[in-house]
Amino acid sequence: MALRQMMLRMLEGEKYQVRGAADGQEGLKAFFSWQPDLVVLDVMLPGMDGLTLLERIREVSDAAVIILSALGREHQKVRGLRSGADDYLSKPSSIPEFLARVEALLRRVKEAPKIEAVYEDPTLQIDFLRHKVQLRSQEVELSPTEFRLLTVLVKNAGVVLSSERLLDLVWGEAEVGSENVRVYISSLRKKLEGGPTQLIETVREFGYRYNVSRE
C-alpha cells in the first residue's frame, strides 16, 4: 500500500493523471470506468493476480501495460511479456528508469494509430470514452455495470461468452454469482429491445452473445 501511494504521488508530480487500485478486481473495474492509456501492474495482487488481470485487459484493450514486480527471474519476465505486457521491470527499480519507461510507452501510444473509440452498427452506437449509448439514435441510460457488460459483449460480437467468462470480464470475480449475469442481461434487453433483431442472444447451456443488427 505504501509503495502504491508513493508511486501515485510520484506520477502525479510528473503531471500524469493517475488512479490506484488495491487488488485485481478493483483494478479491472477502474480500467473499464477510466480506460487509461497505460497500466502499471504488479503480478502478486490480492484476489485476481496480475497476470489474470492482464489477460482480461488484453481481451478488450491494447492499452500499454508495464509490469512492476518483485518476481524478476528471466522465466517470470518472459511469461509476463508473452501474456501481453509491453514492458517488465523488477523491484526495486530506480525512479529515473521507471519514469523513462513510462514516458517511452506513452510516447508510443501517442504515435500509434488511434483505435476506434466509437462502435456503430445499424442499430446501436457506443461512445466508449464518453460512456454514451444510442439505440436507433435515441440515447439509452445505462448503469456503469450495464455499460461494462454491453462493452464486453459488443467487443466480442458473435462470440458466445459463458456466465463465468462475463463474471470475470465485467465484475472481475466469479464469487459474485451467475445470477448477476442473468439479472443484468435481462436489464440490458429491456433497454435495448424494440426491433426485428434480438441484439443479446441466449445460447442455451453455453452463454450469451451480441448479434450485430442487419436492420
C-alpha atoms as a PDB file:
ATOM      1  CA  MET A   1       0.000   0.000   0.000  1.00  0.00           C
ATOM      2  CA  ALA A   2       2.808   2.415   0.901  1.00  0.00           C
ATOM      3  CA  LEU A   3       4.587   1.684  -2.396  1.00  0.00           C
ATOM      4  CA  ARG A   4       1.391   2.191  -4.390  1.00  0.00           C
ATOM      5  CA  GLN A   5       0.715   5.537  -2.757  1.00  0.00           C
ATOM      6  CA  MET A   6       4.323   6.609  -3.285  1.00  0.00           C
ATOM      7  CA  MET A   7       4.113   5.752  -6.993  1.00  0.00           C
ATOM      8  CA  LEU A   8       0.824   7.606  -7.362  1.00  0.00           C
ATOM      9  CA  ARG A   9       2.321  10.730  -5.795  1.00  0.00           C
ATOM     10  CA  MET A  10       5.443  10.396  -7.926  1.00  0.00           C
ATOM     11  CA  LEU A  11       3.450  10.126 -11.165  1.00  0.00           C
ATOM     12  CA  GLU A  12       1.188  12.987 -10.132  1.00  0.00           C
ATOM     13  CA  GLY A  13       4.343  15.026  -9.575  1.00  0.00           C
ATOM     14  CA  GLU A  14       5.216  14.374 -13.224  1.00  0.00           C
ATOM     15  CA  LYS A  15       1.778  15.807 -14.189  1.00  0.00           C
ATOM     16  CA  TYR A  16       0.208  12.457 -15.059  1.00  0.00           C
ATOM     17  CA  GLN A  17      -3.434  11.790 -14.208  1.00  0.00           C
ATOM     18  CA  VAL A  18      -3.447   8.606 -12.147  1.00  0.00           C
ATOM     19  CA  ARG A  19      -5.748   6.242 -10.313  1.00  0.00           C
ATOM     20  CA  GLY A  20      -4.801   3.415  -7.958  1.00  0.00           C
ATOM     21  CA  ALA A  21      -6.361   0.037  -7.139  1.00  0.00           C
ATOM     22  CA  ALA A  22      -5.711  -2.206  -4.154  1.00  0.00           C
ATOM     23  CA  ASP A  23      -6.436  -5.547  -5.844  1.00  0.00           C
ATOM     24  CA  GLY A  24      -7.168  -7.171  -9.192  1.00  0.00           C
ATOM     25  CA  GLN A  25     -10.949  -6.888  -9.029  1.00  0.00           C
ATOM     26  CA  GLU A  26     -10.788  -3.205  -8.167  1.00  0.00           C
ATOM     27  CA  GLY A  27      -8.203  -2.707 -10.902  1.00  0.00           C
ATOM     28  CA  LEU A  28     -10.419  -4.286 -13.560  1.00  0.00           C
ATOM     29  CA  LYS A  29     -13.376  -2.119 -12.576  1.00  0.00           C
ATOM     30  CA  ALA A  30     -11.191   1.002 -12.606  1.00  0.00           C
ATOM     31  CA  PHE A  31      -9.834   0.042 -16.023  1.00  0.00           C
ATOM     32  CA  PHE A  32     -13.324  -0.221 -17.520  1.00  0.00           C
ATOM     33  CA  SER A  33     -14.541   3.006 -15.961  1.00  0.00           C
ATOM     34  CA  TRP A  34     -11.439   5.089 -16.689  1.00  0.00           C
ATOM     35  CA  GLN A  35      -9.893   3.485 -19.808  1.00  0.00           C
ATOM     36  CA  PRO A  36      -6.308   4.666 -19.170  1.00  0.00           C
ATOM     37  CA  ASP A  37      -3.540   4.938 -21.753  1.00  0.00           C
ATOM     38  CA  LEU A  38      -1.130   2.971 -19.532  1.00  0.00           C
ATOM     39  CA  VAL A  39      -1.420   0.457 -16.686  1.00  0.00           C
ATOM     40  CA  VAL A  40       1.328  -0.228 -14.122  1.00  0.00           C
ATOM     41  CA  LEU A  41       0.669  -3.731 -12.860  1.00  0.00           C
ATOM     42  CA  ASP A  42       2.051  -5.925 -10.088  1.00  0.00           C
ATOM     43  CA  VAL A  43       1.905  -9.695 -10.551  1.00  0.00           C
ATOM     44  CA  MET A  44       1.218 -10.521  -6.900  1.00  0.00           C
ATOM     45  CA  LEU A  45      -2.165  -8.933  -6.269  1.00  0.00           C
ATOM     46  CA  PRO A  46      -4.815 -10.000  -3.734  1.00  0.00           C
ATOM     47  CA  GLY A  47      -7.702 -11.909  -5.252  1.00  0.00           C
ATOM     48  CA  MET A  48      -7.237 -11.828  -9.006  1.00  0.00           C
ATOM     49  CA  ASP A  49      -3.495 -11.982  -9.716  1.00  0.00           C
ATOM     50  CA  GLY A  50      -1.782  -9.535 -12.054  1.00  0.00           C
ATOM     51  CA  LEU A  51      -1.348 -11.905 -14.998  1.00  0.00           C
ATOM     52  CA  THR A  52      -5.033 -12.831 -14.921  1.00  0.00           C
ATOM     53  CA  LEU A  53      -5.917  -9.146 -14.814  1.00  0.00           C
ATOM     54  CA  LEU A  54      -3.578  -8.591 -17.771  1.00  0.00           C
ATOM     55  CA  GLU A  55      -5.410 -11.293 -19.742  1.00  0.00           C
ATOM     56  CA  ARG A  56      -8.740  -9.588 -19.024  1.00  0.00           C
ATOM     57  CA  ILE A  57      -7.350  -6.238 -20.165  1.00  0.00           C
ATOM     58  CA  ARG A  58      -5.936  -7.723 -23.362  1.00  0.00           C
ATOM     59  CA  GLU A  59      -9.289  -9.232 -24.282  1.00  0.00           C
ATOM     60  CA  VAL A  60     -10.794  -5.756 -24.646  1.00  0.00           C
ATOM     61  CA  SER A  61      -7.941  -3.256 -24.990  1.00  0.00           C
ATOM     62  CA  ASP A  62      -4.500  -2.518 -26.435  1.00  0.00           C
ATOM     63  CA  ALA A  63      -3.614  -0.091 -23.622  1.00  0.00           C
ATOM     64  CA  ALA A  64       0.088  -0.051 -22.717  1.00  0.00           C
ATOM     65  CA  VAL A  65       0.973  -2.224 -19.694  1.00  0.00           C
ATOM     66  CA  ILE A  66       4.130  -2.179 -17.566  1.00  0.00           C
ATOM     67  CA  ILE A  67       4.608  -4.993 -15.073  1.00  0.00           C
ATOM     68  CA  LEU A  68       6.492  -3.835 -11.971  1.00  0.00           C
ATOM     69  CA  SER A  69       7.116  -6.879  -9.818  1.00  0.00           C
ATOM     70  CA  ALA A  70       9.436  -8.441  -7.241  1.00  0.00           C
ATOM     71  CA  LEU A  71       9.324 -11.576  -9.421  1.00  0.00           C
ATOM     72  CA  GLY A  72      12.364 -10.774 -11.506  1.00  0.00           C
ATOM     73  CA  ARG A  73      13.654 -14.094 -12.831  1.00  0.00           C
ATOM     74  CA  GLU A  74      14.010 -14.498 -16.576  1.00  0.00           C
ATOM     75  CA  HIS A  75      11.203 -17.049 -16.981  1.00  0.00           C
ATOM     76  CA  GLN A  76       8.856 -14.792 -14.969  1.00  0.00           C
ATOM     77  CA  LYS A  77       9.651 -11.834 -17.213  1.00  0.00           C
ATOM     78  CA  VAL A  78       9.150 -13.959 -20.328  1.00  0.00           C
ATOM     79  CA  ARG A  79       5.783 -15.144 -19.043  1.00  0.00           C
ATOM     80  CA  GLY A  80       4.677 -11.587 -18.327  1.00  0.00           C
ATOM     81  CA  LEU A  81       5.713 -10.317 -21.746  1.00  0.00           C
ATOM     82  CA  ARG A  82       4.103 -13.269 -23.511  1.00  0.00           C
ATOM     83  CA  SER A  83       0.901 -12.615 -21.558  1.00  0.00           C
ATOM     84  CA  GLY A  84       0.669  -9.212 -23.209  1.00  0.00           C
ATOM     85  CA  ALA A  85       2.764  -6.793 -21.157  1.00  0.00           C
ATOM     86  CA  ASP A  86       4.647  -4.136 -23.122  1.00  0.00           C
ATOM     87  CA  ASP A  87       7.446  -3.865 -20.561  1.00  0.00           C
ATOM     88  CA  TYR A  88       8.613  -5.616 -17.389  1.00  0.00           C
ATOM     89  CA  LEU A  89      10.610  -4.038 -14.566  1.00  0.00           C
ATOM     90  CA  SER A  90      11.882  -5.826 -11.469  1.00  0.00           C
ATOM     91  CA  LYS A  91      11.562  -4.334  -7.990  1.00  0.00           C
ATOM     92  CA  PRO A  92      13.403  -2.435  -6.766  1.00  0.00           C
ATOM     93  CA  SER A  93      13.706  -0.247  -9.841  1.00  0.00           C
ATOM     94  CA  SER A  94      15.264   3.190  -9.953  1.00  0.00           C
ATOM     95  CA  ILE A  95      12.802   6.066 -10.198  1.00  0.00           C
ATOM     96  CA  PRO A  96      14.504   7.641 -13.249  1.00  0.00           C
ATOM     97  CA  GLU A  97      14.398   4.325 -15.149  1.00  0.00           C
ATOM     98  CA  PHE A  98      10.758   3.718 -14.242  1.00  0.00           C
ATOM     99  CA  LEU A  99       9.724   7.210 -15.337  1.00  0.00           C
ATOM    100  CA  ALA A 100      11.705   6.835 -18.565  1.00  0.00           C
ATOM    101  CA  ARG A 101       9.877   3.572 -19.357  1.00  0.00           C
ATOM    102  CA  VAL A 102       6.507   5.221 -18.653  1.00  0.00           C
ATOM    103  CA  GLU A 103       7.399   8.162 -20.873  1.00  0.00           C
ATOM    104  CA  ALA A 104       8.581   5.886 -23.695  1.00  0.00           C
ATOM    105  CA  LEU A 105       5.427   3.778 -23.627  1.00  0.00           C
ATOM    106  CA  LEU A 106       3.124   6.785 -23.528  1.00  0.00           C
ATOM    107  CA  ARG A 107       5.017   8.287 -26.453  1.00  0.00           C
ATOM    108  CA  ARG A 108       4.470   5.047 -28.368  1.00  0.00           C
ATOM    109  CA  VAL A 109       0.754   5.159 -27.505  1.00  0.00           C
ATOM    110  CA  LYS A 110       0.533   8.753 -28.733  1.00  0.00           C
ATOM    111  CA  GLU A 111       2.253   7.902 -32.012  1.00  0.00           C
ATOM    112  CA  ALA A 112       0.308   4.694 -32.640  1.00  0.00           C
ATOM    113  CA  PRO A 113      -2.746   4.682 -34.914  1.00  0.00           C
ATOM    114  CA  LYS A 114      -5.813   5.502 -32.864  1.00  0.00           C
ATOM    115  CA  ILE A 115      -8.145   2.649 -32.026  1.00  0.00           C
ATOM    116  CA  GLU A 116     -11.767   3.436 -32.760  1.00  0.00           C
ATOM    117  CA  ALA A 117     -13.359   4.978 -29.688  1.00  0.00           C
ATOM    118  CA  VAL A 118     -16.866   4.601 -31.129  1.00  0.00           C
ATOM    119  CA  TYR A 119     -18.755   1.454 -32.085  1.00  0.00           C
ATOM    120  CA  GLU A 120     -21.583   1.666 -34.587  1.00  0.00           C
ATOM    121  CA  ASP A 121     -23.863  -0.789 -36.368  1.00  0.00           C
ATOM    122  CA  PRO A 122     -27.276  -0.206 -37.980  1.00  0.00           C
ATOM    123  CA  THR A 123     -28.994  -0.258 -34.568  1.00  0.00           C
ATOM    124  CA  LEU A 124     -26.502   0.579 -31.837  1.00  0.00           C
ATOM    125  CA  GLN A 125     -23.923   3.325 -31.324  1.00  0.00           C
ATOM    126  CA  ILE A 126     -21.488   3.335 -28.384  1.00  0.00           C
ATOM    127  CA  ASP A 127     -19.060   6.090 -27.445  1.00  0.00           C
ATOM    128  CA  PHE A 128     -16.624   4.210 -25.206  1.00  0.00           C
ATOM    129  CA  LEU A 129     -14.814   7.303 -23.972  1.00  0.00           C
ATOM    130  CA  ARG A 130     -17.940   9.248 -23.009  1.00  0.00           C
ATOM    131  CA  HIS A 131     -19.892   6.172 -21.879  1.00  0.00           C
ATOM    132  CA  LYS A 132     -22.817   7.093 -24.121  1.00  0.00           C
ATOM    133  CA  VAL A 133     -25.109   4.586 -25.820  1.00  0.00           C
ATOM    134  CA  GLN A 134     -27.680   5.276 -28.524  1.00  0.00           C
ATOM    135  CA  LEU A 135     -30.288   2.860 -29.826  1.00  0.00           C
ATOM    136  CA  ARG A 136     -31.629   3.950 -33.231  1.00  0.00           C
ATOM    137  CA  SER A 137     -30.299   7.467 -32.495  1.00  0.00           C
ATOM    138  CA  GLN A 138     -32.072   7.652 -29.125  1.00  0.00           C
ATOM    139  CA  GLU A 139     -29.865   7.860 -26.047  1.00  0.00           C
ATOM    140  CA  VAL A 140     -30.113   4.946 -23.615  1.00  0.00           C
ATOM    141  CA  GLU A 141     -29.261   5.394 -19.944  1.00  0.00           C
ATOM    142  CA  LEU A 142     -27.128   2.529 -18.617  1.00  0.00           C
ATOM    143  CA  SER A 143     -25.612   1.938 -15.210  1.00  0.00           C
ATOM    144  CA  PRO A 144     -21.798   1.530 -15.061  1.00  0.00           C
ATOM    145  CA  THR A 145     -22.173  -2.262 -14.763  1.00  0.00           C
ATOM    146  CA  GLU A 146     -24.642  -2.411 -17.665  1.00  0.00           C
ATOM    147  CA  PHE A 147     -22.229  -0.352 -19.753  1.00  0.00           C
ATOM    148  CA  ARG A 148     -19.301  -2.660 -18.933  1.00  0.00           C
ATOM    149  CA  LEU A 149     -21.411  -5.702 -19.783  1.00  0.00           C
ATOM    150  CA  LEU A 150     -22.548  -4.247 -23.097  1.00  0.00           C
ATOM    151  CA  THR A 151     -18.974  -3.210 -23.933  1.00  0.00           C
ATOM    152  CA  VAL A 152     -17.676  -6.749 -23.401  1.00  0.00           C
ATOM    153  CA  LEU A 153     -20.495  -8.278 -25.463  1.00  0.00           C
ATOM    154  CA  VAL A 154     -20.072  -5.812 -28.339  1.00  0.00           C
ATOM    155  CA  LYS A 155     -16.277  -6.139 -28.451  1.00  0.00           C
ATOM    156  CA  ASN A 156     -16.784  -9.905 -28.710  1.00  0.00           C
ATOM    157  CA  ALA A 157     -19.705  -9.677 -31.170  1.00  0.00           C
ATOM    158  CA  GLY A 158     -20.752 -13.062 -32.489  1.00  0.00           C
ATOM    159  CA  VAL A 159     -18.797 -14.930 -29.806  1.00  0.00           C
ATOM    160  CA  VAL A 160     -20.678 -16.862 -27.131  1.00  0.00           C
ATOM    161  CA  LEU A 161     -19.455 -15.835 -23.668  1.00  0.00           C
ATOM    162  CA  SER A 162     -20.317 -18.021 -20.689  1.00  0.00           C
ATOM    163  CA  SER A 163     -21.673 -16.573 -17.469  1.00  0.00           C
ATOM    164  CA  GLU A 164     -18.355 -17.375 -15.796  1.00  0.00           C
ATOM    165  CA  ARG A 165     -16.437 -15.505 -18.502  1.00  0.00           C
ATOM    166  CA  LEU A 166     -18.711 -12.488 -18.187  1.00  0.00           C
ATOM    167  CA  LEU A 167     -18.277 -12.512 -14.415  1.00  0.00           C
ATOM    168  CA  ASP A 168     -14.514 -12.388 -14.910  1.00  0.00           C
ATOM    169  CA  LEU A 169     -14.580  -9.658 -17.538  1.00  0.00           C
ATOM    170  CA  VAL A 170     -17.277  -7.418 -16.073  1.00  0.00           C
ATOM    171  CA  TRP A 171     -17.183  -7.962 -12.317  1.00  0.00           C
ATOM    172  CA  GLY A 172     -13.644  -9.263 -12.032  1.00  0.00           C
ATOM    173  CA  GLU A 173     -14.566 -12.161  -9.764  1.00  0.00           C
ATOM    174  CA  ALA A 174     -16.611 -15.326 -10.067  1.00  0.00           C
ATOM    175  CA  GLU A 175     -17.769 -15.147  -6.419  1.00  0.00           C
ATOM    176  CA  VAL A 176     -20.438 -12.598  -7.313  1.00  0.00           C
ATOM    177  CA  GLY A 177     -22.630 -15.362  -8.730  1.00  0.00           C
ATOM    178  CA  SER A 178     -24.084 -16.139 -12.149  1.00  0.00           C
ATOM    179  CA  GLU A 179     -27.449 -14.719 -11.082  1.00  0.00           C
ATOM    180  CA  ASN A 180     -25.877 -11.272 -11.504  1.00  0.00           C
ATOM    181  CA  VAL A 181     -25.272 -12.010 -15.173  1.00  0.00           C
ATOM    182  CA  ARG A 182     -28.884 -13.069 -15.745  1.00  0.00           C
ATOM    183  CA  VAL A 183     -30.212 -10.000 -13.949  1.00  0.00           C
ATOM    184  CA  TYR A 184     -28.055  -7.558 -15.913  1.00  0.00           C
ATOM    185  CA  ILE A 185     -28.637  -9.326 -19.248  1.00  0.00           C
ATOM    186  CA  SER A 186     -32.366  -9.022 -18.616  1.00  0.00           C
ATOM    187  CA  SER A 187     -32.000  -5.340 -17.735  1.00  0.00           C
ATOM    188  CA  LEU A 188     -29.955  -4.652 -20.884  1.00  0.00           C
ATOM    189  CA  ARG A 189     -32.504  -6.425 -23.073  1.00  0.00           C
ATOM    190  CA  LYS A 190     -35.327  -4.303 -21.706  1.00  0.00           C
ATOM    191  CA  LYS A 191     -33.387  -1.152 -22.539  1.00  0.00           C
ATOM    192  CA  LEU A 192     -32.306  -2.360 -25.989  1.00  0.00           C
ATOM    193  CA  GLU A 193     -35.479  -4.116 -27.146  1.00  0.00           C
ATOM    194  CA  GLY A 194     -37.845  -2.963 -29.854  1.00  0.00           C
ATOM    195  CA  GLY A 195     -36.626  -4.229 -33.217  1.00  0.00           C
ATOM    196  CA  PRO A 196     -36.605  -7.268 -35.505  1.00  0.00           C
ATOM    197  CA  THR A 197     -33.183  -8.411 -34.248  1.00  0.00           C
ATOM    198  CA  GLN A 198     -32.524  -9.734 -30.751  1.00  0.00           C
ATOM    199  CA  LEU A 199     -29.286  -7.943 -30.018  1.00  0.00           C
ATOM    200  CA  ILE A 200     -28.336 -10.049 -26.996  1.00  0.00           C
ATOM    201  CA  GLU A 201     -28.991 -13.730 -27.569  1.00  0.00           C
ATOM    202  CA  THR A 202     -29.083 -16.518 -25.011  1.00  0.00           C
ATOM    203  CA  VAL A 203     -27.373 -19.640 -26.308  1.00  0.00           C
ATOM    204  CA  ARG A 204     -28.868 -22.348 -24.138  1.00  0.00           C
ATOM    205  CA  GLU A 205     -26.357 -24.111 -21.847  1.00  0.00           C
ATOM    206  CA  PHE A 206     -23.478 -22.045 -23.257  1.00  0.00           C
ATOM    207  CA  GLY A 207     -23.947 -18.345 -22.514  1.00  0.00           C
ATOM    208  CA  TYR A 208     -24.687 -15.070 -24.312  1.00  0.00           C
ATOM    209  CA  ARG A 209     -23.600 -13.269 -27.452  1.00  0.00           C
ATOM    210  CA  TYR A 210     -24.165  -9.938 -29.139  1.00  0.00           C
ATOM    211  CA  ASN A 211     -25.689 -10.186 -32.609  1.00  0.00           C
ATOM    212  CA  VAL A 212     -24.840  -7.338 -34.979  1.00  0.00           C
ATOM    213  CA  SER A 213     -28.094  -5.940 -36.301  1.00  0.00           C
ATOM    214  CA  ARG A 214     -28.715  -6.070 -40.068  1.00  0.00           C
ATOM    215  CA  GLU A 215     -31.591  -3.587 -39.994  1.00  0.00           C
END
